[in-house]
Amino acid sequence: MEEKTLKKYIILWLSQSVSGLGSSMTGFALVLWAYGRSQSAMSVSMMSFCNYVPYVILSLFVGSFIDRHSKKTIMLVSDSIAALGSLAVLAFWLGGHLAVWNIYIINAVIGITNAFQQPASAVATGCLVPKEKISNVSGMNSFSNNLIVVFSPMLAAFLYAAGGLPLILLIDLASFIFAFCVLLLFISIPEQAREKTYSSCMMFIEAKTPCSLSFYFVSWFNTTQILWTFNY
């Protein structure tokens, strides 16, 4: 049984990593587009600000909501709303009406969805994975996160030069559809017997939280530094 749930987690991890890569490429491509449009590091850095501030604030309050509701449903709804944001950017671009302030609003909405999706994903992972495998799973998540950080800017820059913003948005939407279908059709997250799963859920969250906080701080700091370098 434990081997079966671990295999399910590996499938979930792979699909979510693909989706995360698509989202990260879109974020970098939007930075390239916005800077090319505005020529202002300050206006572009506001994109990250609009994303991180709702995430940080809401993360302080969503724990009880996530605990009371289906983790799978929260992940599916959050991912769907984020995908609608990418679809909205594509629609604005195709209509010739895309502006930097549109991205501010969409990034704020995505920040809100991330505040629900990421804790729900962490709890779901802890509930799927056997206790003795928590450290291995934490390493897998660190590996995929670091891989995305390293390779998404290079892939995004290459694809942006090859096909522009629409190509990257289409790849992002395709990665969302893949991850959504995998989660919807192949992954069942236990919502019962909380007494049995609570300890492993909390072990995973405790192992992951410091890394997540440092990851977001470093990402925000590096983005700000790069943008100020561009400006000067």
C-alpha atoms as a PDB file:
ATOM      1  CA  MET A   1       0.000   0.000   0.000  1.00  0.00           C
ATOM      2  CA  GLU A   2       2.809   2.399   0.914  1.00  0.00           C
ATOM      3  CA  GLU A   3       4.600   1.625  -2.366  1.00  0.00           C
ATOM      4  CA  LYS A   4       1.385   2.352  -4.278  1.00  0.00           C
ATOM      5  CA  THR A   5       0.895   5.762  -2.634  1.00  0.00           C
ATOM      6  CA  LEU A   6       4.547   6.642  -3.236  1.00  0.00           C
ATOM      7  CA  LYS A   7       4.154   5.842  -6.934  1.00  0.00           C
ATOM      8  CA  LYS A   8       1.098   8.090  -7.006  1.00  0.00           C
ATOM      9  CA  TYR A   9       3.132  10.861  -5.442  1.00  0.00           C
ATOM     10  CA  ILE A  10       5.916  10.469  -8.023  1.00  0.00           C
ATOM     11  CA  ILE A  11       3.341  10.844 -10.798  1.00  0.00           C
ATOM     12  CA  LEU A  12       1.920  13.924  -9.053  1.00  0.00           C
ATOM     13  CA  TRP A  13       5.426  15.344  -8.519  1.00  0.00           C
ATOM     14  CA  LEU A  14       6.362  14.935 -12.197  1.00  0.00           C
ATOM     15  CA  SER A  15       3.145  16.533 -13.457  1.00  0.00           C
ATOM     16  CA  GLN A  16       3.333  19.428 -10.994  1.00  0.00           C
ATOM     17  CA  SER A  17       7.004  19.993 -11.903  1.00  0.00           C
ATOM     18  CA  VAL A  18       6.083  20.240 -15.588  1.00  0.00           C
ATOM     19  CA  SER A  19       3.328  22.716 -14.733  1.00  0.00           C
ATOM     20  CA  GLY A  20       5.701  24.672 -12.494  1.00  0.00           C
ATOM     21  CA  LEU A  21       8.228  24.908 -15.313  1.00  0.00           C
ATOM     22  CA  GLY A  22       5.559  26.288 -17.639  1.00  0.00           C
ATOM     23  CA  SER A  23       4.434  28.856 -15.065  1.00  0.00           C
ATOM     24  CA  SER A  24       8.013  29.907 -14.329  1.00  0.00           C
ATOM     25  CA  MET A  25       8.758  30.380 -18.028  1.00  0.00           C
ATOM     26  CA  THR A  26       5.647  32.522 -18.380  1.00  0.00           C
ATOM     27  CA  GLY A  27       6.731  34.669 -15.440  1.00  0.00           C
ATOM     28  CA  PHE A  28      10.163  35.256 -16.964  1.00  0.00           C
ATOM     29  CA  ALA A  29       8.719  35.920 -20.427  1.00  0.00           C
ATOM     30  CA  LEU A  30       6.348  38.514 -18.966  1.00  0.00           C
ATOM     31  CA  VAL A  31       9.344  40.249 -17.366  1.00  0.00           C
ATOM     32  CA  LEU A  32      11.050  40.368 -20.784  1.00  0.00           C
ATOM     33  CA  TRP A  33       7.904  41.663 -22.458  1.00  0.00           C
ATOM     34  CA  ALA A  34       7.122  44.245 -19.779  1.00  0.00           C
ATOM     35  CA  TYR A  35      10.665  45.599 -19.682  1.00  0.00           C
ATOM     36  CA  GLY A  36      10.741  45.843 -23.473  1.00  0.00           C
ATOM     37  CA  ARG A  37       7.458  47.732 -23.338  1.00  0.00           C
ATOM     38  CA  SER A  38       8.098  50.093 -20.408  1.00  0.00           C
ATOM     39  CA  GLN A  39      11.923  50.307 -20.247  1.00  0.00           C
ATOM     40  CA  SER A  40      11.475  50.752 -16.494  1.00  0.00           C
ATOM     41  CA  ALA A  41      12.925  48.412 -13.877  1.00  0.00           C
ATOM     42  CA  MET A  42      10.579  49.834 -11.236  1.00  0.00           C
ATOM     43  CA  SER A  43       7.415  49.054 -13.181  1.00  0.00           C
ATOM     44  CA  VAL A  44       8.658  45.539 -13.908  1.00  0.00           C
ATOM     45  CA  SER A  45       9.686  44.881 -10.299  1.00  0.00           C
ATOM     46  CA  MET A  46       6.113  45.747  -9.325  1.00  0.00           C
ATOM     47  CA  MET A  47       5.079  42.547 -11.088  1.00  0.00           C
ATOM     48  CA  SER A  48       6.900  40.491  -8.463  1.00  0.00           C
ATOM     49  CA  PHE A  49       5.603  42.763  -5.705  1.00  0.00           C
ATOM     50  CA  CYS A  50       1.990  42.223  -6.803  1.00  0.00           C
ATOM     51  CA  ASN A  51       2.557  38.470  -6.813  1.00  0.00           C
ATOM     52  CA  TYR A  52       4.406  38.013  -3.514  1.00  0.00           C
ATOM     53  CA  VAL A  53       2.498  40.418  -1.253  1.00  0.00           C
ATOM     54  CA  PRO A  54      -0.931  38.684  -1.547  1.00  0.00           C
ATOM     55  CA  TYR A  55       0.812  35.330  -1.196  1.00  0.00           C
ATOM     56  CA  VAL A  56       2.650  36.285   1.989  1.00  0.00           C
ATOM     57  CA  ILE A  57      -0.356  37.959   3.619  1.00  0.00           C
ATOM     58  CA  LEU A  58      -2.894  35.240   2.815  1.00  0.00           C
ATOM     59  CA  SER A  59      -0.510  32.438   3.773  1.00  0.00           C
ATOM     60  CA  LEU A  60      -0.896  33.558   7.376  1.00  0.00           C
ATOM     61  CA  PHE A  61      -4.645  32.866   7.393  1.00  0.00           C
ATOM     62  CA  VAL A  62      -5.480  30.037   4.965  1.00  0.00           C
ATOM     63  CA  GLY A  63      -4.340  27.116   7.125  1.00  0.00           C
ATOM     64  CA  SER A  64      -7.672  26.401   8.786  1.00  0.00           C
ATOM     65  CA  PHE A  65      -9.535  26.718   5.479  1.00  0.00           C
ATOM     66  CA  ILE A  66      -7.217  24.184   3.823  1.00  0.00           C
ATOM     67  CA  ASP A  67      -7.563  21.835   6.779  1.00  0.00           C
ATOM     68  CA  ARG A  68     -11.373  21.830   6.506  1.00  0.00           C
ATOM     69  CA  HIS A  69     -11.631  21.341   2.745  1.00  0.00           C
ATOM     70  CA  SER A  70     -10.535  18.857   0.099  1.00  0.00           C
ATOM     71  CA  LYS A  71      -6.865  19.360  -0.753  1.00  0.00           C
ATOM     72  CA  LYS A  72      -7.404  17.987  -4.242  1.00  0.00           C
ATOM     73  CA  THR A  73     -10.256  20.403  -4.930  1.00  0.00           C
ATOM     74  CA  ILE A  74      -8.236  23.360  -3.650  1.00  0.00           C
ATOM     75  CA  MET A  75      -5.321  22.410  -5.916  1.00  0.00           C
ATOM     76  CA  LEU A  76      -7.540  21.936  -8.959  1.00  0.00           C
ATOM     77  CA  VAL A  77      -9.400  25.219  -8.451  1.00  0.00           C
ATOM     78  CA  SER A  78      -6.223  27.185  -7.704  1.00  0.00           C
ATOM     79  CA  ASP A  79      -4.431  25.802 -10.754  1.00  0.00           C
ATOM     80  CA  SER A  80      -7.468  26.519 -12.934  1.00  0.00           C
ATOM     81  CA  ILE A  81      -7.635  30.159 -11.832  1.00  0.00           C
ATOM     82  CA  ALA A  82      -3.903  30.579 -12.469  1.00  0.00           C
ATOM     83  CA  ALA A  83      -4.350  29.066 -15.932  1.00  0.00           C
ATOM     84  CA  LEU A  84      -7.171  31.516 -16.623  1.00  0.00           C
ATOM     85  CA  GLY A  85      -4.673  34.258 -15.818  1.00  0.00           C
ATOM     86  CA  SER A  86      -2.311  32.968 -18.522  1.00  0.00           C
ATOM     87  CA  LEU A  87      -5.267  32.662 -20.892  1.00  0.00           C
ATOM     88  CA  ALA A  88      -6.257  36.266 -20.127  1.00  0.00           C
ATOM     89  CA  VAL A  89      -2.723  37.467 -20.900  1.00  0.00           C
ATOM     90  CA  LEU A  90      -2.830  35.586 -24.212  1.00  0.00           C
ATOM     91  CA  ALA A  91      -6.247  37.057 -25.058  1.00  0.00           C
ATOM     92  CA  PHE A  92      -5.070  40.604 -24.248  1.00  0.00           C
ATOM     93  CA  TRP A  93      -1.943  40.091 -26.360  1.00  0.00           C
ATOM     94  CA  LEU A  94      -3.860  38.708 -29.352  1.00  0.00           C
ATOM     95  CA  GLY A  95      -6.293  41.619 -29.104  1.00  0.00           C
ATOM     96  CA  GLY A  96      -3.438  44.125 -28.982  1.00  0.00           C
ATOM     97  CA  HIS A  97      -4.556  45.453 -25.588  1.00  0.00           C
ATOM     98  CA  LEU A  98      -2.004  43.908 -23.231  1.00  0.00           C
ATOM     99  CA  ALA A  99      -0.589  46.480 -20.804  1.00  0.00           C
ATOM    100  CA  VAL A 100       1.730  46.231 -17.815  1.00  0.00           C
ATOM    101  CA  TRP A 101      -1.083  47.079 -15.397  1.00  0.00           C
ATOM    102  CA  ASN A 102      -3.027  44.054 -16.703  1.00  0.00           C
ATOM    103  CA  ILE A 103      -0.128  41.876 -15.592  1.00  0.00           C
ATOM    104  CA  TYR A 104      -0.127  43.515 -12.143  1.00  0.00           C
ATOM    105  CA  ILE A 105      -3.735  42.453 -11.598  1.00  0.00           C
ATOM    106  CA  ILE A 106      -3.220  38.952 -12.985  1.00  0.00           C
ATOM    107  CA  ASN A 107      -0.091  38.462 -10.876  1.00  0.00           C
ATOM    108  CA  ALA A 108      -2.001  39.512  -7.754  1.00  0.00           C
ATOM    109  CA  VAL A 109      -4.691  36.920  -8.525  1.00  0.00           C
ATOM    110  CA  ILE A 110      -2.030  34.253  -9.098  1.00  0.00           C
ATOM    111  CA  GLY A 111      -0.399  35.213  -5.798  1.00  0.00           C
ATOM    112  CA  ILE A 112      -3.741  34.636  -4.075  1.00  0.00           C
ATOM    113  CA  THR A 113      -4.166  31.222  -5.718  1.00  0.00           C
ATOM    114  CA  ASN A 114      -0.598  30.241  -4.757  1.00  0.00           C
ATOM    115  CA  ALA A 115      -1.402  31.012  -1.127  1.00  0.00           C
ATOM    116  CA  PHE A 116      -3.998  28.227  -1.284  1.00  0.00           C
ATOM    117  CA  GLN A 117      -2.374  25.844  -3.759  1.00  0.00           C
ATOM    118  CA  GLN A 118       1.058  25.477  -2.225  1.00  0.00           C
ATOM    119  CA  PRO A 119       0.002  24.674   1.378  1.00  0.00           C
ATOM    120  CA  ALA A 120      -2.663  22.298   0.040  1.00  0.00           C
ATOM    121  CA  SER A 121      -0.030  20.606  -2.099  1.00  0.00           C
ATOM    122  CA  ALA A 122       2.318  20.307   0.890  1.00  0.00           C
ATOM    123  CA  VAL A 123      -0.388  18.729   3.065  1.00  0.00           C
ATOM    124  CA  ALA A 124      -1.460  16.406   0.239  1.00  0.00           C
ATOM    125  CA  THR A 125       2.133  15.288  -0.240  1.00  0.00           C
ATOM    126  CA  GLY A 126       2.507  14.507   3.447  1.00  0.00           C
ATOM    127  CA  CYS A 127      -0.715  12.496   3.344  1.00  0.00           C
ATOM    128  CA  LEU A 128       0.345  10.497   0.269  1.00  0.00           C
ATOM    129  CA  VAL A 129       3.904   9.703   1.279  1.00  0.00           C
ATOM    130  CA  PRO A 130       4.906   7.142   3.948  1.00  0.00           C
ATOM    131  CA  LYS A 131       6.559   8.637   7.022  1.00  0.00           C
ATOM    132  CA  GLU A 132       9.943   7.078   6.331  1.00  0.00           C
ATOM    133  CA  LYS A 133      10.042   8.551   2.825  1.00  0.00           C
ATOM    134  CA  ILE A 134       9.392  12.174   3.849  1.00  0.00           C
ATOM    135  CA  SER A 135      13.058  13.169   3.684  1.00  0.00           C
ATOM    136  CA  ASN A 136      13.415  11.631   0.211  1.00  0.00           C
ATOM    137  CA  VAL A 137      10.356  13.476  -1.023  1.00  0.00           C
ATOM    138  CA  SER A 138      11.625  16.748   0.431  1.00  0.00           C
ATOM    139  CA  GLY A 139      14.842  16.223  -1.530  1.00  0.00           C
ATOM    140  CA  MET A 140      12.857  15.541  -4.717  1.00  0.00           C
ATOM    141  CA  ASN A 141      10.952  18.792  -4.284  1.00  0.00           C
ATOM    142  CA  SER A 142      14.133  20.772  -3.651  1.00  0.00           C
ATOM    143  CA  PHE A 143      15.671  19.200  -6.752  1.00  0.00           C
ATOM    144  CA  SER A 144      12.728  20.064  -9.013  1.00  0.00           C
ATOM    145  CA  ASN A 145      12.425  23.606  -7.609  1.00  0.00           C
ATOM    146  CA  ASN A 146      16.124  24.296  -8.162  1.00  0.00           C
ATOM    147  CA  LEU A 147      15.995  22.774 -11.640  1.00  0.00           C
ATOM    148  CA  ILE A 148      13.096  25.056 -12.551  1.00  0.00           C
ATOM    149  CA  VAL A 149      14.932  28.113 -11.187  1.00  0.00           C
ATOM    150  CA  VAL A 150      18.034  27.293 -13.236  1.00  0.00           C
ATOM    151  CA  PHE A 151      16.505  26.199 -16.542  1.00  0.00           C
ATOM    152  CA  SER A 152      13.271  28.189 -16.876  1.00  0.00           C
ATOM    153  CA  PRO A 153      14.992  31.534 -17.695  1.00  0.00           C
ATOM    154  CA  MET A 154      17.139  29.893 -20.383  1.00  0.00           C
ATOM    155  CA  LEU A 155      14.224  28.028 -21.934  1.00  0.00           C
ATOM    156  CA  ALA A 156      11.986  31.088 -21.705  1.00  0.00           C
ATOM    157  CA  ALA A 157      14.590  33.328 -23.361  1.00  0.00           C
ATOM    158  CA  PHE A 158      15.135  30.810 -26.184  1.00  0.00           C
ATOM    159  CA  LEU A 159      11.406  30.279 -26.795  1.00  0.00           C
ATOM    160  CA  TYR A 160      10.699  34.012 -26.488  1.00  0.00           C
ATOM    161  CA  ALA A 161      13.232  34.686 -29.254  1.00  0.00           C
ATOM    162  CA  ALA A 162      11.809  31.858 -31.352  1.00  0.00           C
ATOM    163  CA  GLY A 163       8.076  32.447 -31.026  1.00  0.00           C
ATOM    164  CA  GLY A 164       7.454  35.383 -28.716  1.00  0.00           C
ATOM    165  CA  LEU A 165       5.169  35.596 -25.711  1.00  0.00           C
ATOM    166  CA  PRO A 166       2.242  33.623 -27.245  1.00  0.00           C
ATOM    167  CA  LEU A 167       4.378  30.499 -27.717  1.00  0.00           C
ATOM    168  CA  ILE A 168       5.383  30.447 -24.048  1.00  0.00           C
ATOM    169  CA  LEU A 169       1.810  31.075 -22.915  1.00  0.00           C
ATOM    170  CA  LEU A 170       0.597  28.154 -25.043  1.00  0.00           C
ATOM    171  CA  ILE A 171       3.271  25.894 -23.531  1.00  0.00           C
ATOM    172  CA  ASP A 172       2.213  27.050 -20.063  1.00  0.00           C
ATOM    173  CA  LEU A 173      -1.430  26.242 -20.804  1.00  0.00           C
ATOM    174  CA  ALA A 174      -0.474  22.824 -22.208  1.00  0.00           C
ATOM    175  CA  SER A 175       1.536  22.043 -19.065  1.00  0.00           C
ATOM    176  CA  PHE A 176      -1.465  23.086 -16.952  1.00  0.00           C
ATOM    177  CA  ILE A 177      -3.814  20.773 -18.871  1.00  0.00           C
ATOM    178  CA  PHE A 178      -1.374  17.888 -18.407  1.00  0.00           C
ATOM    179  CA  ALA A 179      -1.001  18.457 -14.639  1.00  0.00           C
ATOM    180  CA  PHE A 180      -4.748  19.088 -14.198  1.00  0.00           C
ATOM    181  CA  CYS A 181      -5.708  15.832 -15.932  1.00  0.00           C
ATOM    182  CA  VAL A 182      -3.149  13.825 -13.958  1.00  0.00           C
ATOM    183  CA  LEU A 183      -4.412  15.207 -10.640  1.00  0.00           C
ATOM    184  CA  LEU A 184      -8.082  14.880 -11.565  1.00  0.00           C
ATOM    185  CA  LEU A 185      -7.985  11.393 -13.052  1.00  0.00           C
ATOM    186  CA  PHE A 186      -5.113   9.512 -11.435  1.00  0.00           C
ATOM    187  CA  ILE A 187      -4.480  10.958  -7.968  1.00  0.00           C
ATOM    188  CA  SER A 188      -6.692  10.363  -4.959  1.00  0.00           C
ATOM    189  CA  ILE A 189      -5.700  12.281  -1.836  1.00  0.00           C
ATOM    190  CA  PRO A 190      -6.922  10.765   1.449  1.00  0.00           C
ATOM    191  CA  GLU A 191      -9.143  13.126   3.392  1.00  0.00           C
ATOM    192  CA  GLN A 192     -10.181  10.677   6.107  1.00  0.00           C
ATOM    193  CA  ALA A 193      -8.320   9.215   9.043  1.00  0.00           C
ATOM    194  CA  ARG A 194      -6.594  12.469   9.829  1.00  0.00           C
ATOM    195  CA  GLU A 195      -5.170  11.033  13.037  1.00  0.00           C
ATOM    196  CA  LYS A 196      -3.083   8.581  11.003  1.00  0.00           C
ATOM    197  CA  THR A 197      -1.915  11.011   8.358  1.00  0.00           C
ATOM    198  CA  TYR A 198      -1.514  14.165  10.444  1.00  0.00           C
ATOM    199  CA  SER A 199       1.972  13.405  11.741  1.00  0.00           C
ATOM    200  CA  SER A 200       3.418  12.663   8.299  1.00  0.00           C
ATOM    201  CA  CYS A 201       1.669  15.714   6.838  1.00  0.00           C
ATOM    202  CA  MET A 202       3.197  17.944   9.498  1.00  0.00           C
ATOM    203  CA  MET A 203       6.625  16.354   9.140  1.00  0.00           C
ATOM    204  CA  PHE A 204       6.640  17.205   5.451  1.00  0.00           C
ATOM    205  CA  ILE A 205       5.397  20.759   6.009  1.00  0.00           C
ATOM    206  CA  GLU A 206       7.983  21.376   8.708  1.00  0.00           C
ATOM    207  CA  ALA A 207      10.721  20.051   6.433  1.00  0.00           C
ATOM    208  CA  LYS A 208       9.535  22.124   3.495  1.00  0.00           C
ATOM    209  CA  THR A 209       8.541  25.464   5.055  1.00  0.00           C
ATOM    210  CA  PRO A 210      12.010  26.960   5.721  1.00  0.00           C
ATOM    211  CA  CYS A 211      13.115  26.035   2.198  1.00  0.00           C
ATOM    212  CA  SER A 212       9.969  27.550   0.691  1.00  0.00           C
ATOM    213  CA  LEU A 213      10.357  30.818   2.581  1.00  0.00           C
ATOM    214  CA  SER A 214      14.026  31.134   1.672  1.00  0.00           C
ATOM    215  CA  PHE A 215      13.236  30.204  -1.936  1.00  0.00           C
ATOM    216  CA  TYR A 216      10.676  33.010  -2.275  1.00  0.00           C
ATOM    217  CA  PHE A 217      12.919  35.540  -0.542  1.00  0.00           C
ATOM    218  CA  VAL A 218      15.916  34.681  -2.716  1.00  0.00           C
ATOM    219  CA  SER A 219      13.779  34.702  -5.888  1.00  0.00           C
ATOM    220  CA  TRP A 220      12.350  38.133  -5.032  1.00  0.00           C
ATOM    221  CA  PHE A 221      15.788  39.505  -4.108  1.00  0.00           C
ATOM    222  CA  ASN A 222      17.451  38.170  -7.263  1.00  0.00           C
ATOM    223  CA  THR A 223      14.686  39.490  -9.490  1.00  0.00           C
ATOM    224  CA  THR A 224      14.979  42.945  -7.930  1.00  0.00           C
ATOM    225  CA  GLN A 225      18.755  42.953  -8.306  1.00  0.00           C
ATOM    226  CA  ILE A 226      18.585  41.916 -11.970  1.00  0.00           C
ATOM    227  CA  LEU A 227      15.993  44.570 -12.782  1.00  0.00           C
ATOM    228  CA  TRP A 228      17.980  47.349 -11.116  1.00  0.00           C
ATOM    229  CA  THR A 229      21.050  46.200 -13.054  1.00  0.00           C
ATOM    230  CA  PHE A 230      19.078  46.496 -16.286  1.00  0.00           C
ATOM    231  CA  ASN A 231      17.947  49.959 -15.325  1.00  0.00           C
ATOM    232  CA  TYR A 232      21.461  51.210 -14.727  1.00  0.00           C
END
